[in-house]
Amino acid sequence: MVGNWLLAVAFLVILFLISWVDLREKRIPDGLVFLIVVLGIISLFYGQSIFSALLGGVIYFSILFLIHLASPEGMGWGDIKLAGALGFFLGWQEALLAFLLSFTGGAIIGIILIVFKIKGRRDPIPFAPFMAGGAIIAFFWGEGIINWYLHLFY
């Protein structure tokens, strides 16, 4: 799906803006999330299957929604909506990879911030930058990472 460089550049710019706003204001603008959905629709014309896009959106959205139900203060609605949009854009396999990468990155940075007493255990940490990082890695290198991982077992 990387074949269209304009799509890739737009994706990077939107994710940068979302991360920047989340870091500064601890919110994710719906308009920017909507633009990712628009990019997802455009990606359908470049080989993304509608089934994979819809499944990716539902899976990523559902995972974060369940986390929100378990801990409403821990995951905001902006993160949940962004997850659905990213899943739709990436497709189900890359969405799962993006999810794993974002939570791994968030956990590592969160632990570092707590150990060095920069943040406390209850302090909020914007999650969109980690979601963006996971999505970027999944977008550009997801197929290779997934194939490498699956070859470990087959």
N, C-alpha and C. Protein backbone atom coordinates (compact mmCIF):
# COMPACT_ATOMS: atom_id res chain seq x y z
N MET A 1 0.82 -1.20 0.00
CA MET A 1 0.00 0.00 0.00
C MET A 1 0.86 1.25 0.00
N VAL A 2 2.13 1.13 0.18
CA VAL A 2 3.01 2.28 0.24
C VAL A 2 3.18 2.92 -1.13
N GLY A 3 2.71 2.25 -2.18
CA GLY A 3 2.92 2.71 -3.54
C GLY A 3 2.54 4.15 -3.80
N ASN A 4 1.57 4.69 -3.15
CA ASN A 4 1.17 6.07 -3.38
C ASN A 4 1.83 6.97 -2.35
N TRP A 5 2.85 7.68 -2.76
CA TRP A 5 3.62 8.51 -1.82
C TRP A 5 2.80 9.67 -1.27
N LEU A 6 1.85 10.18 -2.05
CA LEU A 6 1.02 11.27 -1.58
C LEU A 6 0.15 10.82 -0.40
N LEU A 7 -0.37 9.63 -0.50
CA LEU A 7 -1.15 9.05 0.59
C LEU A 7 -0.28 8.91 1.84
N ALA A 8 0.94 8.44 1.65
CA ALA A 8 1.87 8.27 2.78
C ALA A 8 2.22 9.60 3.43
N VAL A 9 2.48 10.61 2.61
CA VAL A 9 2.83 11.94 3.16
C VAL A 9 1.64 12.52 3.92
N ALA A 10 0.45 12.41 3.36
CA ALA A 10 -0.75 12.92 4.04
C ALA A 10 -0.94 12.20 5.38
N PHE A 11 -0.75 10.89 5.39
CA PHE A 11 -0.88 10.10 6.61
C PHE A 11 0.10 10.58 7.67
N LEU A 12 1.35 10.79 7.28
CA LEU A 12 2.37 11.26 8.22
C LEU A 12 2.05 12.64 8.77
N VAL A 13 1.61 13.54 7.91
CA VAL A 13 1.30 14.91 8.34
C VAL A 13 0.13 14.89 9.33
N ILE A 14 -0.91 14.15 9.00
CA ILE A 14 -2.08 14.09 9.89
C ILE A 14 -1.70 13.48 11.24
N LEU A 15 -0.92 12.41 11.23
CA LEU A 15 -0.50 11.79 12.50
C LEU A 15 0.38 12.73 13.31
N PHE A 16 1.24 13.49 12.65
CA PHE A 16 2.05 14.47 13.36
C PHE A 16 1.16 15.51 14.03
N LEU A 17 0.17 16.03 13.30
CA LEU A 17 -0.73 17.03 13.86
C LEU A 17 -1.54 16.47 15.03
N ILE A 18 -2.04 15.26 14.89
CA ILE A 18 -2.80 14.63 15.97
C ILE A 18 -1.92 14.48 17.21
N SER A 19 -0.69 14.01 17.02
CA SER A 19 0.23 13.82 18.15
C SER A 19 0.55 15.15 18.82
N TRP A 20 0.79 16.17 18.01
CA TRP A 20 1.14 17.48 18.54
C TRP A 20 -0.01 18.05 19.38
N VAL A 21 -1.24 17.98 18.85
CA VAL A 21 -2.39 18.49 19.59
C VAL A 21 -2.60 17.68 20.87
N ASP A 22 -2.47 16.36 20.80
CA ASP A 22 -2.68 15.53 21.98
C ASP A 22 -1.63 15.84 23.06
N LEU A 23 -0.40 16.02 22.66
CA LEU A 23 0.65 16.35 23.63
C LEU A 23 0.41 17.71 24.28
N ARG A 24 -0.05 18.68 23.51
CA ARG A 24 -0.26 20.03 24.04
C ARG A 24 -1.57 20.20 24.79
N GLU A 25 -2.64 19.60 24.26
CA GLU A 25 -3.97 19.88 24.78
C GLU A 25 -4.69 18.67 25.36
N LYS A 26 -4.07 17.49 25.25
CA LYS A 26 -4.67 16.24 25.72
C LYS A 26 -6.06 16.00 25.13
N ARG A 27 -6.13 16.23 23.82
CA ARG A 27 -7.36 15.95 23.06
C ARG A 27 -6.97 15.62 21.64
N ILE A 28 -7.86 14.93 20.94
CA ILE A 28 -7.63 14.56 19.54
C ILE A 28 -8.78 15.12 18.71
N PRO A 29 -8.48 16.06 17.82
CA PRO A 29 -9.55 16.69 17.03
C PRO A 29 -10.26 15.69 16.11
N ASP A 30 -11.57 15.71 16.16
CA ASP A 30 -12.37 14.81 15.32
C ASP A 30 -12.10 15.04 13.84
N GLY A 31 -11.87 16.28 13.45
CA GLY A 31 -11.62 16.58 12.04
C GLY A 31 -10.39 15.86 11.50
N LEU A 32 -9.35 15.78 12.32
CA LEU A 32 -8.14 15.08 11.89
C LEU A 32 -8.36 13.57 11.84
N VAL A 33 -9.15 13.06 12.78
CA VAL A 33 -9.48 11.63 12.75
C VAL A 33 -10.29 11.32 11.49
N PHE A 34 -11.21 12.21 11.15
CA PHE A 34 -12.02 12.03 9.94
C PHE A 34 -11.13 11.99 8.69
N LEU A 35 -10.07 12.81 8.67
CA LEU A 35 -9.17 12.80 7.52
C LEU A 35 -8.48 11.44 7.35
N ILE A 36 -8.21 10.76 8.44
CA ILE A 36 -7.63 9.42 8.34
C ILE A 36 -8.64 8.45 7.74
N VAL A 37 -9.91 8.62 8.10
CA VAL A 37 -10.95 7.78 7.48
C VAL A 37 -11.00 8.06 5.97
N VAL A 38 -10.90 9.33 5.59
CA VAL A 38 -10.90 9.68 4.16
C VAL A 38 -9.70 9.02 3.47
N LEU A 39 -8.53 9.05 4.11
CA LEU A 39 -7.37 8.36 3.54
C LEU A 39 -7.63 6.86 3.42
N GLY A 40 -8.34 6.31 4.40
CA GLY A 40 -8.70 4.89 4.33
C GLY A 40 -9.59 4.59 3.14
N ILE A 41 -10.52 5.48 2.86
CA ILE A 41 -11.38 5.30 1.69
C ILE A 41 -10.55 5.38 0.41
N ILE A 42 -9.64 6.34 0.36
CA ILE A 42 -8.76 6.46 -0.81
C ILE A 42 -7.90 5.21 -0.97
N SER A 43 -7.44 4.65 0.15
CA SER A 43 -6.58 3.46 0.08
C SER A 43 -7.30 2.26 -0.53
N LEU A 44 -8.63 2.28 -0.49
CA LEU A 44 -9.40 1.20 -1.10
C LEU A 44 -9.16 1.16 -2.62
N PHE A 45 -8.83 2.31 -3.20
CA PHE A 45 -8.55 2.37 -4.63
C PHE A 45 -7.12 1.95 -4.96
N TYR A 46 -6.33 1.70 -3.93
CA TYR A 46 -4.92 1.30 -4.13
C TYR A 46 -4.66 -0.10 -3.60
N GLY A 47 -5.69 -0.92 -3.53
CA GLY A 47 -5.49 -2.33 -3.22
C GLY A 47 -5.95 -2.79 -1.85
N GLN A 48 -6.30 -1.87 -0.96
CA GLN A 48 -6.79 -2.28 0.36
C GLN A 48 -8.18 -2.89 0.17
N SER A 49 -8.43 -4.04 0.78
CA SER A 49 -9.76 -4.65 0.65
C SER A 49 -10.71 -4.02 1.65
N ILE A 50 -11.96 -3.88 1.25
CA ILE A 50 -12.97 -3.30 2.13
C ILE A 50 -13.15 -4.17 3.38
N PHE A 51 -13.05 -5.48 3.21
CA PHE A 51 -13.18 -6.38 4.35
C PHE A 51 -12.07 -6.13 5.37
N SER A 52 -10.84 -6.05 4.89
CA SER A 52 -9.70 -5.82 5.78
C SER A 52 -9.81 -4.46 6.47
N ALA A 53 -10.24 -3.44 5.72
CA ALA A 53 -10.38 -2.11 6.29
C ALA A 53 -11.44 -2.09 7.39
N LEU A 54 -12.60 -2.65 7.10
CA LEU A 54 -13.68 -2.66 8.10
C LEU A 54 -13.31 -3.49 9.32
N LEU A 55 -12.72 -4.65 9.08
CA LEU A 55 -12.31 -5.51 10.20
C LEU A 55 -11.24 -4.81 11.04
N GLY A 56 -10.28 -4.17 10.39
CA GLY A 56 -9.24 -3.44 11.12
C GLY A 56 -9.82 -2.34 11.98
N GLY A 57 -10.77 -1.60 11.43
CA GLY A 57 -11.42 -0.54 12.20
C GLY A 57 -12.18 -1.08 13.39
N VAL A 58 -12.93 -2.13 13.17
CA VAL A 58 -13.72 -2.72 14.26
C VAL A 58 -12.82 -3.31 15.35
N ILE A 59 -11.78 -4.02 14.95
CA ILE A 59 -10.89 -4.65 15.94
C ILE A 59 -10.19 -3.60 16.79
N TYR A 60 -9.53 -2.64 16.16
CA TYR A 60 -8.75 -1.65 16.91
C TYR A 60 -9.68 -0.80 17.78
N PHE A 61 -10.82 -0.37 17.23
CA PHE A 61 -11.80 0.39 18.00
C PHE A 61 -12.27 -0.41 19.21
N SER A 62 -12.62 -1.67 18.97
CA SER A 62 -13.18 -2.51 20.04
C SER A 62 -12.18 -2.75 21.17
N ILE A 63 -10.93 -2.96 20.84
CA ILE A 63 -9.92 -3.19 21.88
C ILE A 63 -9.82 -1.97 22.79
N LEU A 64 -9.71 -0.78 22.19
CA LEU A 64 -9.59 0.41 23.02
C LEU A 64 -10.89 0.74 23.74
N PHE A 65 -12.04 0.42 23.13
CA PHE A 65 -13.32 0.63 23.80
C PHE A 65 -13.42 -0.26 25.04
N LEU A 66 -12.98 -1.50 24.93
CA LEU A 66 -13.01 -2.40 26.10
C LEU A 66 -12.08 -1.89 27.20
N ILE A 67 -10.94 -1.36 26.81
CA ILE A 67 -10.03 -0.78 27.80
C ILE A 67 -10.70 0.42 28.47
N HIS A 68 -11.40 1.22 27.68
CA HIS A 68 -12.12 2.38 28.23
C HIS A 68 -13.21 1.94 29.22
N LEU A 69 -13.90 0.87 28.89
CA LEU A 69 -14.93 0.37 29.81
C LEU A 69 -14.31 -0.08 31.14
N ALA A 70 -13.15 -0.70 31.07
CA ALA A 70 -12.48 -1.17 32.27
C ALA A 70 -11.88 -0.02 33.08
N SER A 71 -11.42 1.02 32.39
CA SER A 71 -10.78 2.15 33.05
C SER A 71 -11.09 3.43 32.28
N PRO A 72 -12.25 4.04 32.54
CA PRO A 72 -12.69 5.20 31.75
C PRO A 72 -11.70 6.37 31.76
N GLU A 73 -10.98 6.56 32.85
CA GLU A 73 -10.02 7.66 32.89
C GLU A 73 -8.73 7.31 32.15
N GLY A 74 -8.51 6.03 31.88
CA GLY A 74 -7.26 5.59 31.27
C GLY A 74 -7.23 5.72 29.76
N MET A 75 -8.38 5.75 29.12
CA MET A 75 -8.41 5.80 27.65
C MET A 75 -9.58 6.70 27.25
N GLY A 76 -9.26 7.79 26.56
CA GLY A 76 -10.30 8.74 26.18
C GLY A 76 -10.97 8.38 24.87
N TRP A 77 -12.09 9.05 24.60
CA TRP A 77 -12.85 8.79 23.38
C TRP A 77 -12.08 9.18 22.13
N GLY A 78 -11.22 10.19 22.24
CA GLY A 78 -10.41 10.55 21.09
C GLY A 78 -9.49 9.41 20.67
N ASP A 79 -8.90 8.74 21.66
CA ASP A 79 -8.04 7.59 21.37
C ASP A 79 -8.84 6.46 20.73
N ILE A 80 -10.06 6.25 21.21
CA ILE A 80 -10.90 5.17 20.69
C ILE A 80 -11.29 5.45 19.24
N LYS A 81 -11.70 6.69 18.96
CA LYS A 81 -12.07 7.05 17.58
C LYS A 81 -10.85 6.98 16.66
N LEU A 82 -9.71 7.44 17.15
CA LEU A 82 -8.48 7.36 16.35
C LEU A 82 -8.14 5.91 16.04
N ALA A 83 -8.33 5.03 17.00
CA ALA A 83 -8.05 3.60 16.78
C ALA A 83 -8.92 3.05 15.65
N GLY A 84 -10.19 3.39 15.65
CA GLY A 84 -11.08 2.94 14.58
C GLY A 84 -10.63 3.44 13.22
N ALA A 85 -10.25 4.72 13.16
CA ALA A 85 -9.79 5.30 11.89
C ALA A 85 -8.48 4.66 11.43
N LEU A 86 -7.55 4.48 12.36
CA LEU A 86 -6.27 3.86 12.00
C LEU A 86 -6.48 2.42 11.53
N GLY A 87 -7.33 1.69 12.23
CA GLY A 87 -7.62 0.31 11.83
C GLY A 87 -8.22 0.25 10.44
N PHE A 88 -9.13 1.18 10.13
CA PHE A 88 -9.75 1.23 8.81
C PHE A 88 -8.70 1.54 7.75
N PHE A 89 -7.81 2.48 8.03
CA PHE A 89 -6.78 2.85 7.06
C PHE A 89 -5.77 1.73 6.86
N LEU A 90 -5.34 1.09 7.94
CA LEU A 90 -4.26 0.11 7.86
C LEU A 90 -4.72 -1.28 7.41
N GLY A 91 -5.95 -1.64 7.74
CA GLY A 91 -6.40 -3.02 7.52
C GLY A 91 -6.14 -3.83 8.78
N TRP A 92 -6.74 -5.00 8.86
CA TRP A 92 -6.76 -5.72 10.14
C TRP A 92 -5.40 -6.20 10.61
N GLN A 93 -4.55 -6.70 9.71
CA GLN A 93 -3.26 -7.23 10.16
C GLN A 93 -2.35 -6.13 10.65
N GLU A 94 -2.23 -5.06 9.89
CA GLU A 94 -1.39 -3.94 10.31
C GLU A 94 -1.99 -3.22 11.51
N ALA A 95 -3.33 -3.23 11.63
CA ALA A 95 -3.96 -2.61 12.79
C ALA A 95 -3.58 -3.35 14.08
N LEU A 96 -3.59 -4.68 14.01
CA LEU A 96 -3.16 -5.44 15.19
C LEU A 96 -1.70 -5.16 15.54
N LEU A 97 -0.86 -5.08 14.52
CA LEU A 97 0.54 -4.76 14.76
C LEU A 97 0.68 -3.36 15.34
N ALA A 98 -0.04 -2.39 14.79
CA ALA A 98 0.01 -1.02 15.30
C ALA A 98 -0.43 -0.98 16.76
N PHE A 99 -1.46 -1.74 17.10
CA PHE A 99 -1.93 -1.82 18.48
C PHE A 99 -0.83 -2.34 19.39
N LEU A 100 -0.22 -3.45 19.02
CA LEU A 100 0.85 -4.03 19.84
C LEU A 100 2.03 -3.08 19.98
N LEU A 101 2.42 -2.44 18.90
CA LEU A 101 3.55 -1.51 18.95
C LEU A 101 3.23 -0.28 19.79
N SER A 102 2.02 0.24 19.67
CA SER A 102 1.66 1.43 20.43
C SER A 102 1.62 1.15 21.93
N PHE A 103 1.08 0.01 22.30
CA PHE A 103 1.02 -0.31 23.73
C PHE A 103 2.40 -0.66 24.28
N THR A 104 3.22 -1.30 23.48
CA THR A 104 4.59 -1.59 23.92
C THR A 104 5.37 -0.29 24.11
N GLY A 105 5.30 0.59 23.13
CA GLY A 105 5.98 1.87 23.24
C GLY A 105 5.47 2.70 24.39
N GLY A 106 4.15 2.75 24.55
CA GLY A 106 3.57 3.49 25.66
C GLY A 106 3.97 2.94 27.01
N ALA A 107 4.02 1.62 27.12
CA ALA A 107 4.42 0.99 28.39
C ALA A 107 5.88 1.29 28.72
N ILE A 108 6.74 1.18 27.73
CA ILE A 108 8.17 1.43 27.96
C ILE A 108 8.39 2.88 28.39
N ILE A 109 7.82 3.82 27.65
CA ILE A 109 7.98 5.24 28.00
C ILE A 109 7.31 5.55 29.34
N GLY A 110 6.14 4.97 29.57
CA GLY A 110 5.46 5.18 30.85
C GLY A 110 6.29 4.71 32.03
N ILE A 111 6.89 3.54 31.90
CA ILE A 111 7.75 3.02 32.98
C ILE A 111 8.95 3.94 33.20
N ILE A 112 9.56 4.38 32.12
CA ILE A 112 10.71 5.29 32.24
C ILE A 112 10.30 6.58 32.95
N LEU A 113 9.17 7.16 32.56
CA LEU A 113 8.70 8.40 33.18
C LEU A 113 8.40 8.22 34.67
N ILE A 114 7.88 7.07 35.03
CA ILE A 114 7.57 6.79 36.44
C ILE A 114 8.85 6.53 37.22
N VAL A 115 9.76 5.74 36.68
CA VAL A 115 11.02 5.43 37.37
C VAL A 115 11.82 6.69 37.66
N PHE A 116 11.86 7.61 36.69
CA PHE A 116 12.61 8.84 36.87
C PHE A 116 11.77 9.95 37.52
N LYS A 117 10.59 9.58 38.02
CA LYS A 117 9.70 10.48 38.74
C LYS A 117 9.32 11.73 37.94
N ILE A 118 9.23 11.57 36.63
CA ILE A 118 8.76 12.65 35.78
C ILE A 118 7.24 12.68 35.80
N LYS A 119 6.66 11.50 35.90
CA LYS A 119 5.21 11.32 36.02
C LYS A 119 4.93 10.35 37.14
N GLY A 120 3.73 10.48 37.73
CA GLY A 120 3.28 9.53 38.73
C GLY A 120 2.41 8.46 38.07
N ARG A 121 2.11 7.43 38.83
CA ARG A 121 1.30 6.32 38.28
C ARG A 121 -0.08 6.77 37.81
N ARG A 122 -0.62 7.78 38.41
CA ARG A 122 -1.97 8.25 38.06
C ARG A 122 -1.97 9.44 37.10
N ASP A 123 -0.81 9.93 36.73
CA ASP A 123 -0.74 11.07 35.81
C ASP A 123 -1.08 10.63 34.39
N PRO A 124 -1.87 11.42 33.68
CA PRO A 124 -2.20 11.06 32.30
C PRO A 124 -1.00 11.26 31.37
N ILE A 125 -0.88 10.37 30.43
CA ILE A 125 0.14 10.47 29.38
C ILE A 125 -0.61 10.36 28.05
N PRO A 126 -0.49 11.39 27.21
CA PRO A 126 -1.19 11.32 25.90
C PRO A 126 -0.78 10.07 25.13
N PHE A 127 -1.78 9.36 24.62
CA PHE A 127 -1.53 8.09 23.97
C PHE A 127 -1.44 8.19 22.45
N ALA A 128 -1.99 9.27 21.87
CA ALA A 128 -1.99 9.40 20.41
C ALA A 128 -0.58 9.34 19.80
N PRO A 129 0.44 9.94 20.43
CA PRO A 129 1.77 9.81 19.82
C PRO A 129 2.25 8.36 19.71
N PHE A 130 1.88 7.52 20.66
CA PHE A 130 2.26 6.11 20.61
C PHE A 130 1.45 5.38 19.54
N MET A 131 0.17 5.75 19.42
CA MET A 131 -0.65 5.17 18.37
C MET A 131 -0.11 5.57 17.00
N ALA A 132 0.31 6.82 16.89
CA ALA A 132 0.87 7.30 15.62
C ALA A 132 2.15 6.55 15.29
N GLY A 133 3.02 6.39 16.27
CA GLY A 133 4.27 5.67 16.05
C GLY A 133 4.02 4.24 15.61
N GLY A 134 3.11 3.55 16.30
CA GLY A 134 2.78 2.18 15.92
C GLY A 134 2.18 2.10 14.53
N ALA A 135 1.32 3.07 14.20
CA ALA A 135 0.68 3.09 12.88
C ALA A 135 1.70 3.35 11.77
N ILE A 136 2.65 4.24 12.03
CA ILE A 136 3.67 4.54 11.01
C ILE A 136 4.53 3.31 10.75
N ILE A 137 4.96 2.66 11.81
CA ILE A 137 5.77 1.44 11.64
C ILE A 137 4.97 0.38 10.90
N ALA A 138 3.71 0.20 11.29
CA ALA A 138 2.87 -0.81 10.64
C ALA A 138 2.63 -0.45 9.18
N PHE A 139 2.45 0.81 8.87
CA PHE A 139 2.18 1.24 7.50
C PHE A 139 3.38 0.97 6.59
N PHE A 140 4.56 1.35 7.03
CA PHE A 140 5.73 1.24 6.18
C PHE A 140 6.38 -0.15 6.21
N TRP A 141 6.40 -0.77 7.38
CA TRP A 141 7.14 -2.03 7.54
C TRP A 141 6.31 -3.18 8.06
N GLY A 142 4.99 -2.99 8.16
CA GLY A 142 4.12 -3.98 8.77
C GLY A 142 4.14 -5.33 8.09
N GLU A 143 4.07 -5.34 6.77
CA GLU A 143 4.05 -6.62 6.05
C GLU A 143 5.32 -7.42 6.33
N GLY A 144 6.46 -6.75 6.29
CA GLY A 144 7.73 -7.43 6.56
C GLY A 144 7.82 -7.93 7.99
N ILE A 145 7.36 -7.12 8.95
CA ILE A 145 7.39 -7.53 10.36
C ILE A 145 6.48 -8.72 10.59
N ILE A 146 5.29 -8.67 10.02
CA ILE A 146 4.32 -9.76 10.19
C ILE A 146 4.86 -11.05 9.56
N ASN A 147 5.41 -10.94 8.35
CA ASN A 147 5.98 -12.14 7.70
C ASN A 147 7.13 -12.71 8.51
N TRP A 148 8.01 -11.85 9.01
CA TRP A 148 9.13 -12.30 9.84
C TRP A 148 8.61 -13.05 11.07
N TYR A 149 7.60 -12.47 11.72
CA TYR A 149 7.04 -13.07 12.92
C TYR A 149 6.41 -14.44 12.61
N LEU A 150 5.63 -14.49 11.56
CA LEU A 150 4.97 -15.76 11.21
C LEU A 150 5.96 -16.84 10.80
N HIS A 151 7.07 -16.44 10.20
CA HIS A 151 8.09 -17.41 9.81
C HIS A 151 8.82 -18.01 11.02
N LEU A 152 8.68 -17.38 12.16
CA LEU A 152 9.25 -17.95 13.37
C LEU A 152 8.53 -19.25 13.76
N PHE A 153 7.29 -19.38 13.31
CA PHE A 153 6.46 -20.53 13.70
C PHE A 153 6.22 -21.52 12.57
N TYR A 154 6.51 -21.13 11.33
CA TYR A 154 6.20 -22.00 10.20
C TYR A 154 7.42 -22.23 9.34
